[in-house]
PDB file of all heavy atoms in Angstrom:
ATOM      1  N   GLY A   1      88.874 119.617 154.912  1.00  0.00           N
ATOM      2  CA  GLY A   1      89.747 119.994 153.807  1.00  0.00           C
ATOM      3  C   GLY A   1      89.380 121.324 153.193  1.00  0.00           C
ATOM      4  O   GLY A   1      89.949 121.755 152.201  1.00  0.00           O
ATOM      5  N   LEU A   2      88.354 121.998 153.791  1.00  0.00           N
ATOM      6  CA  LEU A   2      87.895 123.280 153.262  1.00  0.00           C
ATOM      7  C   LEU A   2      89.031 124.284 153.281  1.00  0.00           C
ATOM      8  O   LEU A   2      89.571 124.614 154.318  1.00  0.00           O
ATOM      9  CB  LEU A   2      86.724 123.791 154.116  1.00  0.00           C
ATOM     10  CG  LEU A   2      86.055 125.091 153.676  1.00  0.00           C
ATOM     11  CD1 LEU A   2      85.435 124.915 152.298  1.00  0.00           C
ATOM     12  CD2 LEU A   2      85.010 125.517 154.687  1.00  0.00           C
ATOM     13  N   GLY A   3      89.384 124.770 152.142  1.00  0.00           N
ATOM     14  CA  GLY A   3      90.442 125.768 152.053  1.00  0.00           C
ATOM     15  C   GLY A   3      91.799 125.169 151.745  1.00  0.00           C
ATOM     16  O   GLY A   3      92.591 125.784 151.031  1.00  0.00           O
ATOM     17  N   ILE A   4      92.097 123.994 152.265  1.00  0.00           N
ATOM     18  CA  ILE A   4      93.406 123.381 152.038  1.00  0.00           C
ATOM     19  C   ILE A   4      93.592 123.032 150.565  1.00  0.00           C
ATOM     20  O   ILE A   4      94.635 123.321 149.966  1.00  0.00           O
ATOM     21  CB  ILE A   4      93.583 122.114 152.903  1.00  0.00           C
ATOM     22  CG1 ILE A   4      93.635 122.491 154.395  1.00  0.00           C
ATOM     23  CG2 ILE A   4      94.851 121.359 152.496  1.00  0.00           C
ATOM     24  CD1 ILE A   4      94.843 123.307 154.768  1.00  0.00           C
ATOM     25  N   GLU A   5      92.583 122.399 149.970  1.00  0.00           N
ATOM     26  CA  GLU A   5      92.717 121.989 148.574  1.00  0.00           C
ATOM     27  C   GLU A   5      92.850 123.195 147.650  1.00  0.00           C
ATOM     28  O   GLU A   5      93.592 123.151 146.662  1.00  0.00           O
ATOM     29  CB  GLU A   5      91.523 121.117 148.154  1.00  0.00           C
ATOM     30  CG  GLU A   5      91.524 119.722 148.768  1.00  0.00           C
ATOM     31  CD  GLU A   5      92.842 118.992 148.527  1.00  0.00           C
ATOM     32  OE1 GLU A   5      93.378 119.072 147.400  1.00  0.00           O
ATOM     33  OE2 GLU A   5      93.352 118.356 149.459  1.00  0.00           O
ATOM     34  N   ALA A   6      92.126 124.265 147.954  1.00  0.00           N
ATOM     35  CA  ALA A   6      92.246 125.473 147.135  1.00  0.00           C
ATOM     36  C   ALA A   6      93.649 126.053 147.235  1.00  0.00           C
ATOM     37  O   ALA A   6      94.236 126.489 146.234  1.00  0.00           O
ATOM     38  CB  ALA A   6      91.206 126.511 147.575  1.00  0.00           C
ATOM     39  N   GLN A   7      94.206 126.048 148.459  1.00  0.00           N
ATOM     40  CA  GLN A   7      95.575 126.538 148.638  1.00  0.00           C
ATOM     41  C   GLN A   7      96.574 125.646 147.912  1.00  0.00           C
ATOM     42  O   GLN A   7      97.490 126.135 147.239  1.00  0.00           O
ATOM     43  CB  GLN A   7      95.920 126.583 150.128  1.00  0.00           C
ATOM     44  CG  GLN A   7      95.145 127.620 150.924  1.00  0.00           C
ATOM     45  CD  GLN A   7      95.447 127.537 152.403  1.00  0.00           C
ATOM     46  OE1 GLN A   7      96.605 127.590 152.818  1.00  0.00           O
ATOM     47  NE2 GLN A   7      94.414 127.392 153.219  1.00  0.00           N
ATOM     48  N   ARG A   8      96.392 124.329 148.054  1.00  0.00           N
ATOM     49  CA  ARG A   8      97.310 123.388 147.400  1.00  0.00           C
ATOM     50  C   ARG A   8      97.264 123.562 145.878  1.00  0.00           C
ATOM     51  O   ARG A   8      98.301 123.549 145.204  1.00  0.00           O
ATOM     52  CB  ARG A   8      96.957 121.956 147.791  1.00  0.00           C
ATOM     53  CG  ARG A   8      97.877 120.914 147.158  1.00  0.00           C
ATOM     54  CD  ARG A   8      97.548 119.514 147.612  1.00  0.00           C
ATOM     55  NE  ARG A   8      97.987 119.263 148.981  1.00  0.00           N
ATOM     56  CZ  ARG A   8      97.165 118.993 149.994  1.00  0.00           C
ATOM     57  NH1 ARG A   8      95.848 118.955 149.793  1.00  0.00           N
ATOM     58  NH2 ARG A   8      97.630 118.779 151.207  1.00  0.00           N
ATOM     59  N   ASP A   9      96.068 123.741 145.344  1.00  0.00           N
ATOM     60  CA  ASP A   9      95.933 123.920 143.903  1.00  0.00           C
ATOM     61  C   ASP A   9      96.634 125.202 143.449  1.00  0.00           C
ATOM     62  O   ASP A   9      97.345 125.206 142.427  1.00  0.00           O
ATOM     63  CB  ASP A   9      94.448 123.972 143.527  1.00  0.00           C
ATOM     64  CG  ASP A   9      94.227 124.152 142.037  1.00  0.00           C
ATOM     65  OD1 ASP A   9      94.637 123.268 141.271  1.00  0.00           O
ATOM     66  OD2 ASP A   9      93.664 125.185 141.642  1.00  0.00           O
ATOM     67  N   ALA A  10      96.441 126.301 144.206  1.00  0.00           N
ATOM     68  CA  ALA A  10      97.062 127.573 143.834  1.00  0.00           C
ATOM     69  C   ALA A  10      98.587 127.483 143.879  1.00  0.00           C
ATOM     70  O   ALA A  10      99.287 127.963 142.981  1.00  0.00           O
ATOM     71  CB  ALA A  10      96.564 128.683 144.760  1.00  0.00           C
ATOM     72  N   VAL A  11      99.123 126.854 144.941  1.00  0.00           N
ATOM     73  CA  VAL A  11     100.576 126.737 145.086  1.00  0.00           C
ATOM     74  C   VAL A  11     101.153 125.809 144.020  1.00  0.00           C
ATOM     75  O   VAL A  11     102.211 126.088 143.438  1.00  0.00           O
ATOM     76  CB  VAL A  11     100.942 126.243 146.504  1.00  0.00           C
ATOM     77  CG1 VAL A  11     102.424 125.870 146.586  1.00  0.00           C
ATOM     78  CG2 VAL A  11     100.616 127.316 147.527  1.00  0.00           C
ATOM     79  N   THR A  12     100.464 124.694 143.754  1.00  0.00           N
ATOM     80  CA  THR A  12     100.957 123.744 142.751  1.00  0.00           C
ATOM     81  C   THR A  12     101.014 124.388 141.371  1.00  0.00           C
ATOM     82  O   THR A  12     101.994 124.220 140.625  1.00  0.00           O
ATOM     83  CB  THR A  12     100.054 122.493 142.715  1.00  0.00           C
ATOM     84  OG1 THR A  12     100.061 121.873 144.010  1.00  0.00           O
ATOM     85  CG2 THR A  12     100.547 121.497 141.683  1.00  0.00           C
ATOM     86  N   ARG A  13      99.951 125.116 141.015  1.00  0.00           N
ATOM     87  CA  ARG A  13      99.930 125.783 139.712  1.00  0.00           C
ATOM     88  C   ARG A  13     101.028 126.840 139.623  1.00  0.00           C
ATOM     89  O   ARG A  13     101.695 126.988 138.591  1.00  0.00           O
ATOM     90  CB  ARG A  13      98.565 126.418 139.466  1.00  0.00           C
ATOM     91  CG  ARG A  13      97.483 125.403 139.092  1.00  0.00           C
ATOM     92  CD  ARG A  13      96.183 126.049 138.649  1.00  0.00           C
ATOM     93  NE  ARG A  13      95.428 126.570 139.783  1.00  0.00           N
ATOM     94  CZ  ARG A  13      95.298 127.851 140.067  1.00  0.00           C
ATOM     95  NH1 ARG A  13      95.881 128.764 139.305  1.00  0.00           N
ATOM     96  NH2 ARG A  13      94.580 128.247 141.099  1.00  0.00           N
ATOM     97  N   PHE A  14     101.220 127.586 140.713  1.00  0.00           N
ATOM     98  CA  PHE A  14     102.262 128.619 140.732  1.00  0.00           C
ATOM     99  C   PHE A  14     103.648 127.985 140.587  1.00  0.00           C
ATOM    100  O   PHE A  14     104.484 128.463 139.807  1.00  0.00           O
ATOM    101  CB  PHE A  14     102.175 129.405 142.041  1.00  0.00           C
ATOM    102  CG  PHE A  14     103.293 130.390 142.229  1.00  0.00           C
ATOM    103  CD1 PHE A  14     103.251 131.646 141.649  1.00  0.00           C
ATOM    104  CD2 PHE A  14     104.406 130.051 143.004  1.00  0.00           C
ATOM    105  CE1 PHE A  14     104.295 132.547 141.822  1.00  0.00           C
ATOM    106  CE2 PHE A  14     105.445 130.950 143.174  1.00  0.00           C
ATOM    107  CZ  PHE A  14     105.387 132.201 142.581  1.00  0.00           C
ATOM    108  N   ALA A  15     103.896 126.903 141.337  1.00  0.00           N
ATOM    109  CA  ALA A  15     105.202 126.239 141.292  1.00  0.00           C
ATOM    110  C   ALA A  15     105.502 125.708 139.892  1.00  0.00           C
ATOM    111  O   ALA A  15     106.629 125.837 139.384  1.00  0.00           O
ATOM    112  CB  ALA A  15     105.246 125.103 142.316  1.00  0.00           C
ATOM    113  N   ALA A  16     104.497 125.114 139.251  1.00  0.00           N
ATOM    114  CA  ALA A  16     104.697 124.583 137.904  1.00  0.00           C
ATOM    115  C   ALA A  16     105.009 125.705 136.911  1.00  0.00           C
ATOM    116  O   ALA A  16     105.874 125.557 136.036  1.00  0.00           O
ATOM    117  CB  ALA A  16     103.453 123.817 137.459  1.00  0.00           C
ATOM    118  N   ALA A  17     104.318 126.831 137.052  1.00  0.00           N
ATOM    119  CA  ALA A  17     104.523 127.945 136.125  1.00  0.00           C
ATOM    120  C   ALA A  17     105.877 128.616 136.329  1.00  0.00           C
ATOM    121  O   ALA A  17     106.485 129.110 135.374  1.00  0.00           O
ATOM    122  CB  ALA A  17     103.400 128.969 136.294  1.00  0.00           C
ATOM    123  N   GLU A  18     106.367 128.624 137.590  1.00  0.00           N
ATOM    124  CA  GLU A  18     107.601 129.351 137.910  1.00  0.00           C
ATOM    125  C   GLU A  18     108.829 128.446 137.991  1.00  0.00           C
ATOM    126  O   GLU A  18     109.923 128.923 138.284  1.00  0.00           O
ATOM    127  CB  GLU A  18     107.431 130.104 139.238  1.00  0.00           C
ATOM    128  CG  GLU A  18     106.356 131.187 139.210  1.00  0.00           C
ATOM    129  CD  GLU A  18     106.735 132.347 138.311  1.00  0.00           C
ATOM    130  OE1 GLU A  18     107.947 132.536 138.047  1.00  0.00           O
ATOM    131  OE2 GLU A  18     105.827 133.078 137.859  1.00  0.00           O
ATOM    132  N   GLY A  19     108.647 127.143 137.759  1.00  0.00           N
ATOM    133  CA  GLY A  19     109.789 126.245 137.746  1.00  0.00           C
ATOM    134  C   GLY A  19     110.293 125.819 139.108  1.00  0.00           C
ATOM    135  O   GLY A  19     111.493 125.578 139.286  1.00  0.00           O
ATOM    136  N   PHE A  20     109.385 125.691 140.090  1.00  0.00           N
ATOM    137  CA  PHE A  20     109.767 125.220 141.427  1.00  0.00           C
ATOM    138  C   PHE A  20     109.399 123.745 141.577  1.00  0.00           C
ATOM    139  O   PHE A  20     108.360 123.298 141.077  1.00  0.00           O
ATOM    140  CB  PHE A  20     109.054 126.018 142.520  1.00  0.00           C
ATOM    141  CG  PHE A  20     109.589 127.399 142.727  1.00  0.00           C
ATOM    142  CD1 PHE A  20     108.895 128.504 142.246  1.00  0.00           C
ATOM    143  CD2 PHE A  20     110.780 127.604 143.405  1.00  0.00           C
ATOM    144  CE1 PHE A  20     109.383 129.778 142.431  1.00  0.00           C
ATOM    145  CE2 PHE A  20     111.281 128.880 143.597  1.00  0.00           C
ATOM    146  CZ  PHE A  20     110.577 129.976 143.111  1.00  0.00           C
ATOM    147  N   ASP A  21     110.229 123.017 142.298  1.00  0.00           N
ATOM    148  CA  ASP A  21     109.967 121.624 142.637  1.00  0.00           C
ATOM    149  C   ASP A  21     109.576 121.563 144.108  1.00  0.00           C
ATOM    150  O   ASP A  21     110.398 121.813 144.991  1.00  0.00           O
ATOM    151  CB  ASP A  21     111.220 120.772 142.386  1.00  0.00           C
ATOM    152  CG  ASP A  21     111.011 119.312 142.774  1.00  0.00           C
ATOM    153  OD1 ASP A  21     109.843 118.861 142.806  1.00  0.00           O
ATOM    154  OD2 ASP A  21     112.021 118.631 143.039  1.00  0.00           O
ATOM    155  N   LEU A  22     108.307 121.271 144.389  1.00  0.00           N
ATOM    156  CA  LEU A  22     107.818 121.215 145.763  1.00  0.00           C
ATOM    157  C   LEU A  22     108.279 119.902 146.403  1.00  0.00           C
ATOM    158  O   LEU A  22     107.738 118.833 146.106  1.00  0.00           O
ATOM    159  CB  LEU A  22     106.294 121.332 145.790  1.00  0.00           C
ATOM    160  CG  LEU A  22     105.708 122.640 145.255  1.00  0.00           C
ATOM    161  CD1 LEU A  22     104.186 122.589 145.252  1.00  0.00           C
ATOM    162  CD2 LEU A  22     106.208 123.824 146.070  1.00  0.00           C
ATOM    163  N   THR A  23     109.260 119.996 147.281  1.00  0.00           N
ATOM    164  CA  THR A  23     109.852 118.795 147.871  1.00  0.00           C
ATOM    165  C   THR A  23     109.193 118.385 149.182  1.00  0.00           C
ATOM    166  O   THR A  23     109.398 117.274 149.659  1.00  0.00           O
ATOM    167  CB  THR A  23     111.354 119.007 148.119  1.00  0.00           C
ATOM    168  OG1 THR A  23     111.527 120.152 148.979  1.00  0.00           O
ATOM    169  CG2 THR A  23     112.078 119.258 146.801  1.00  0.00           C
ATOM    170  N   ALA A  24     108.405 119.277 149.782  1.00  0.00           N
ATOM    171  CA  ALA A  24     107.710 118.955 151.032  1.00  0.00           C
ATOM    172  C   ALA A  24     106.560 119.923 151.206  1.00  0.00           C
ATOM    173  O   ALA A  24     106.561 121.031 150.652  1.00  0.00           O
ATOM    174  CB  ALA A  24     108.670 119.048 152.223  1.00  0.00           C
ATOM    175  N   GLU A  25     105.554 119.487 151.961  1.00  0.00           N
ATOM    176  CA  GLU A  25     104.453 120.395 152.293  1.00  0.00           C
ATOM    177  C   GLU A  25     104.087 120.228 153.760  1.00  0.00           C
ATOM    178  O   GLU A  25     104.217 119.143 154.338  1.00  0.00           O
ATOM    179  CB  GLU A  25     103.239 120.159 151.404  1.00  0.00           C
ATOM    180  CG  GLU A  25     102.529 118.828 151.617  1.00  0.00           C
ATOM    181  CD  GLU A  25     101.230 118.746 150.823  1.00  0.00           C
ATOM    182  OE1 GLU A  25     101.186 119.223 149.668  1.00  0.00           O
ATOM    183  OE2 GLU A  25     100.259 118.189 151.364  1.00  0.00           O
ATOM    184  N   PHE A  26     103.658 121.312 154.376  1.00  0.00           N
ATOM    185  CA  PHE A  26     103.286 121.328 155.786  1.00  0.00           C
ATOM    186  C   PHE A  26     101.886 121.938 155.901  1.00  0.00           C
ATOM    187  O   PHE A  26     101.614 122.989 155.327  1.00  0.00           O
ATOM    188  CB  PHE A  26     104.292 122.144 156.594  1.00  0.00           C
ATOM    189  CG  PHE A  26     105.686 121.559 156.581  1.00  0.00           C
ATOM    190  CD1 PHE A  26     106.567 121.848 155.545  1.00  0.00           C
ATOM    191  CD2 PHE A  26     106.105 120.695 157.584  1.00  0.00           C
ATOM    192  CE1 PHE A  26     107.839 121.304 155.512  1.00  0.00           C
ATOM    193  CE2 PHE A  26     107.377 120.140 157.566  1.00  0.00           C
ATOM    194  CZ  PHE A  26     108.244 120.449 156.522  1.00  0.00           C
ATOM    195  N   VAL A  27     101.026 121.248 156.646  1.00  0.00           N
ATOM    196  CA  VAL A  27      99.632 121.664 156.786  1.00  0.00           C
ATOM    197  C   VAL A  27      99.348 121.964 158.252  1.00  0.00           C
ATOM    198  O   VAL A  27      99.631 121.140 159.132  1.00  0.00           O
ATOM    199  CB  VAL A  27      98.669 120.571 156.277  1.00  0.00           C
ATOM    200  CG1 VAL A  27      97.217 121.022 156.433  1.00  0.00           C
ATOM    201  CG2 VAL A  27      98.966 120.238 154.820  1.00  0.00           C
ATOM    202  N   GLU A  28      98.753 123.129 158.508  1.00  0.00           N
ATOM    203  CA  GLU A  28      98.500 123.586 159.875  1.00  0.00           C
ATOM    204  C   GLU A  28      97.010 123.864 160.058  1.00  0.00           C
ATOM    205  O   GLU A  28      96.352 124.413 159.173  1.00  0.00           O
ATOM    206  CB  GLU A  28      99.272 124.880 160.136  1.00  0.00           C
ATOM    207  CG  GLU A  28      99.430 125.242 161.595  1.00  0.00           C
ATOM    208  CD  GLU A  28     100.840 124.941 162.073  1.00  0.00           C
ATOM    209  OE1 GLU A  28     101.768 125.612 161.606  1.00  0.00           O
ATOM    210  OE2 GLU A  28     100.993 124.036 162.915  1.00  0.00           O
ATOM    211  N   VAL A  29      96.483 123.485 161.224  1.00  0.00           N
ATOM    212  CA  VAL A  29      95.134 123.879 161.617  1.00  0.00           C
ATOM    213  C   VAL A  29      95.283 124.697 162.887  1.00  0.00           C
ATOM    214  O   VAL A  29      95.353 124.153 163.995  1.00  0.00           O
ATOM    215  CB  VAL A  29      94.223 122.652 161.863  1.00  0.00           C
ATOM    216  CG1 VAL A  29      92.825 123.108 162.261  1.00  0.00           C
ATOM    217  CG2 VAL A  29      94.166 121.776 160.624  1.00  0.00           C
ATOM    218  N   GLU A  30      95.376 125.987 162.714  1.00  0.00           N
ATOM    219  CA  GLU A  30      95.641 126.860 163.862  1.00  0.00           C
ATOM    220  C   GLU A  30      95.360 128.301 163.475  1.00  0.00           C
ATOM    221  O   GLU A  30      95.563 128.699 162.325  1.00  0.00           O
ATOM    222  CB  GLU A  30      97.106 126.720 164.309  1.00  0.00           C
ATOM    223  CG  GLU A  30      97.501 127.578 165.502  1.00  0.00           C
ATOM    224  CD  GLU A  30      96.638 127.317 166.719  1.00  0.00           C
ATOM    225  OE1 GLU A  30      96.794 126.268 167.373  1.00  0.00           O
ATOM    226  OE2 GLU A  30      95.791 128.184 166.998  1.00  0.00           O
ATOM    227  N   THR A  31      94.889 129.083 164.424  1.00  0.00           N
ATOM    228  CA  THR A  31      94.647 130.497 164.177  1.00  0.00           C
ATOM    229  C   THR A  31      95.962 131.230 163.976  1.00  0.00           C
ATOM    230  O   THR A  31      97.014 130.792 164.452  1.00  0.00           O
ATOM    231  CB  THR A  31      93.884 131.134 165.349  1.00  0.00           C
ATOM    232  OG1 THR A  31      93.672 132.526 165.066  1.00  0.00           O
ATOM    233  CG2 THR A  31      94.669 131.025 166.648  1.00  0.00           C
ATOM    234  N   GLY A  32      95.896 132.350 163.265  1.00  0.00           N
ATOM    235  CA  GLY A  32      97.079 133.167 163.051  1.00  0.00           C
ATOM    236  C   GLY A  32      97.167 134.317 164.019  1.00  0.00           C
ATOM    237  O   GLY A  32      98.048 135.164 163.906  1.00  0.00           O
ATOM    238  N   LYS A  33      96.251 134.365 164.997  1.00  0.00           N
ATOM    239  CA  LYS A  33      96.191 135.498 165.905  1.00  0.00           C
ATOM    240  C   LYS A  33      97.066 135.282 167.132  1.00  0.00           C
ATOM    241  O   LYS A  33      97.349 134.155 167.529  1.00  0.00           O
ATOM    242  CB  LYS A  33      94.747 135.744 166.367  1.00  0.00           C
ATOM    243  CG  LYS A  33      93.785 136.083 165.235  1.00  0.00           C
ATOM    244  CD  LYS A  33      92.386 136.277 165.772  1.00  0.00           C
ATOM    245  CE  LYS A  33      91.408 136.613 164.657  1.00  0.00           C
ATOM    246  NZ  LYS A  33      90.029 136.765 165.171  1.00  0.00           N
ATOM    247  N   GLY A  34      97.468 136.381 167.763  1.00  0.00           N
ATOM    248  CA  GLY A  34      98.183 136.312 169.028  1.00  0.00           C
ATOM    249  C   GLY A  34      99.676 136.475 168.892  1.00  0.00           C
ATOM    250  O   GLY A  34     100.273 136.092 167.888  1.00  0.00           O
ATOM    251  N   ALA A  35     100.280 137.055 169.927  1.00  0.00           N
ATOM    252  CA  ALA A  35     101.729 137.287 169.909  1.00  0.00           C
ATOM    253  C   ALA A  35     102.510 135.978 169.917  1.00  0.00           C
ATOM    254  O   ALA A  35     103.653 135.924 169.465  1.00  0.00           O
ATOM    255  CB  ALA A  35     102.121 138.147 171.114  1.00  0.00           C
ATOM    256  N   ASP A  36     101.881 134.905 170.448  1.00  0.00           N
ATOM    257  CA  ASP A  36     102.575 133.618 170.513  1.00  0.00           C
ATOM    258  C   ASP A  36     102.154 132.697 169.364  1.00  0.00           C
ATOM    259  O   ASP A  36     102.275 131.474 169.471  1.00  0.00           O
ATOM    260  CB  ASP A  36     102.284 132.934 171.852  1.00  0.00           C
ATOM    261  CG  ASP A  36     100.799 132.628 172.046  1.00  0.00           C
ATOM    262  OD1 ASP A  36      99.969 133.253 171.360  1.00  0.00           O
ATOM    263  OD2 ASP A  36     100.491 131.757 172.881  1.00  0.00           O
ATOM    264  N   ALA A  37     101.676 133.288 168.258  1.00  0.00           N
ATOM    265  CA  ALA A  37     101.145 132.483 167.152  1.00  0.00           C
ATOM    266  C   ALA A  37     102.182 131.508 166.616  1.00  0.00           C
ATOM    267  O   ALA A  37     101.859 130.361 166.315  1.00  0.00           O
ATOM    268  CB  ALA A  37     100.641 133.395 166.028  1.00  0.00           C
ATOM    269  N   LEU A  38     103.438 131.942 166.504  1.00  0.00           N
ATOM    270  CA  LEU A  38     104.461 131.045 165.963  1.00  0.00           C
ATOM    271  C   LEU A  38     104.686 129.854 166.888  1.00  0.00           C
ATOM    272  O   LEU A  38     104.897 128.725 166.424  1.00  0.00           O
ATOM    273  CB  LEU A  38     105.773 131.802 165.743  1.00  0.00           C
ATOM    274  CG  LEU A  38     106.900 130.996 165.077  1.00  0.00           C
ATOM    275  CD1 LEU A  38     106.441 130.438 163.734  1.00  0.00           C
ATOM    276  CD2 LEU A  38     108.141 131.855 164.895  1.00  0.00           C
ATOM    277  N   ASP A  39     104.631 130.078 168.197  1.00  0.00           N
ATOM    278  CA  ASP A  39     104.811 128.977 169.155  1.00  0.00           C
ATOM    279  C   ASP A  39     103.689 127.956 169.030  1.00  0.00           C
ATOM    280  O   ASP A  39     103.889 126.768 169.338  1.00  0.00           O
ATOM    281  CB  ASP A  39     104.849 129.524 170.588  1.00  0.00           C
ATOM    282  CG  ASP A  39     106.069 130.388 170.841  1.00  0.00           C
ATOM    283  OD1 ASP A  39     107.072 130.189 170.132  1.00  0.00           O
ATOM    284  OD2 ASP A  39     106.013 131.261 171.722  1.00  0.00           O
ATOM    285  N   ARG A  40     102.502 128.400 168.616  1.00  0.00           N
ATOM    286  CA  ARG A  40     101.354 127.499 168.488  1.00  0.00           C
ATOM    287  C   ARG A  40     101.229 126.912 167.091  1.00  0.00           C
ATOM    288  O   ARG A  40     100.232 126.246 166.791  1.00  0.00           O
ATOM    289  CB  ARG A  40     100.066 128.253 168.845  1.00  0.00           C
ATOM    290  CG  ARG A  40      99.963 128.597 170.324  1.00  0.00           C
ATOM    291  CD  ARG A  40      98.653 129.281 170.673  1.00  0.00           C
ATOM    292  NE  ARG A  40      98.630 130.679 170.237  1.00  0.00           N
ATOM    293  CZ  ARG A  40      97.983 131.127 169.185  1.00  0.00           C
ATOM    294  NH1 ARG A  40      97.309 130.303 168.423  1.00  0.00           N
ATOM    295  NH2 ARG A  40      98.002 132.415 168.865  1.00  0.00           N
ATOM    296  N   ARG A  41     102.203 127.157 166.242  1.00  0.00           N
ATOM    297  CA  ARG A  41     102.145 126.653 164.870  1.00  0.00           C
ATOM    298  C   ARG A  41     103.400 125.833 164.559  1.00  0.00           C
ATOM    299  O   ARG A  41     104.311 126.280 163.874  1.00  0.00           O
ATOM    300  CB  ARG A  41     101.981 127.827 163.901  1.00  0.00           C
ATOM    301  CG  ARG A  41     100.587 128.455 164.006  1.00  0.00           C
ATOM    302  CD  ARG A  41     100.510 129.823 163.369  1.00  0.00           C
ATOM    303  NE  ARG A  41     100.721 129.776 161.934  1.00  0.00           N
ATOM    304  CZ  ARG A  41     100.636 130.861 161.139  1.00  0.00           C
ATOM    305  NH1 ARG A  41     100.335 132.030 161.654  1.00  0.00           N
ATOM    306  NH2 ARG A  41     100.859 130.751 159.852  1.00  0.00           N
ATOM    307  N   PRO A  42     103.461 124.598 165.081  1.00  0.00           N
ATOM    308  CA  PRO A  42     104.651 123.762 164.890  1.00  0.00           C
ATOM    309  C   PRO A  42     104.926 123.432 163.429  1.00  0.00           C
ATOM    310  O   PRO A  42     106.084 123.243 163.041  1.00  0.00           O
ATOM    311  CB  PRO A  42     104.324 122.490 165.693  1.00  0.00           C
ATOM    312  CG  PRO A  42     102.834 122.470 165.787  1.00  0.00           C
ATOM    313  CD  PRO A  42     102.419 123.903 165.874  1.00  0.00           C
ATOM    314  N   GLN A  43     103.874 123.359 162.602  1.00  0.00           N
ATOM    315  CA  GLN A  43     104.099 123.047 161.190  1.00  0.00           C
ATOM    316  C   GLN A  43     104.786 124.202 160.460  1.00  0.00           C
ATOM    317  O   GLN A  43     105.615 123.984 159.576  1.00  0.00           O
ATOM    318  CB  GLN A  43     102.774 122.700 160.508  1.00  0.00           C
ATOM    319  CG  GLN A  43     102.145 121.410 160.993  1.00  0.00           C
ATOM    320  CD  GLN A  43     103.084 120.229 160.840  1.00  0.00           C
ATOM    321  OE1 GLN A  43     103.579 119.972 159.740  1.00  0.00           O
ATOM    322  NE2 GLN A  43     103.340 119.513 161.923  1.00  0.00           N
ATOM    323  N   LEU A  44     104.462 125.429 160.854  1.00  0.00           N
ATOM    324  CA  LEU A  44     105.156 126.573 160.273  1.00  0.00           C
ATOM    325  C   LEU A  44     106.612 126.582 160.716  1.00  0.00           C
ATOM    326  O   LEU A  44     107.524 126.845 159.911  1.00  0.00           O
ATOM    327  CB  LEU A  44     104.476 127.880 160.680  1.00  0.00           C
ATOM    328  CG  LEU A  44     105.138 129.175 160.174  1.00  0.00           C
ATOM    329  CD1 LEU A  44     105.286 129.160 158.661  1.00  0.00           C
ATOM    330  CD2 LEU A  44     104.337 130.393 160.629  1.00  0.00           C
TER     331      LEU A  44
END
């Protein structure tokens, strides 16, 4: 969960401050490198 909880906390606080309702969340464990990065990131 290293990093995920910090991201979730930052997004949740931002959404509450800006008036967004988070209706779904997607979590990925995958590198962002490579030309085929999107193909390897089904959650994105």
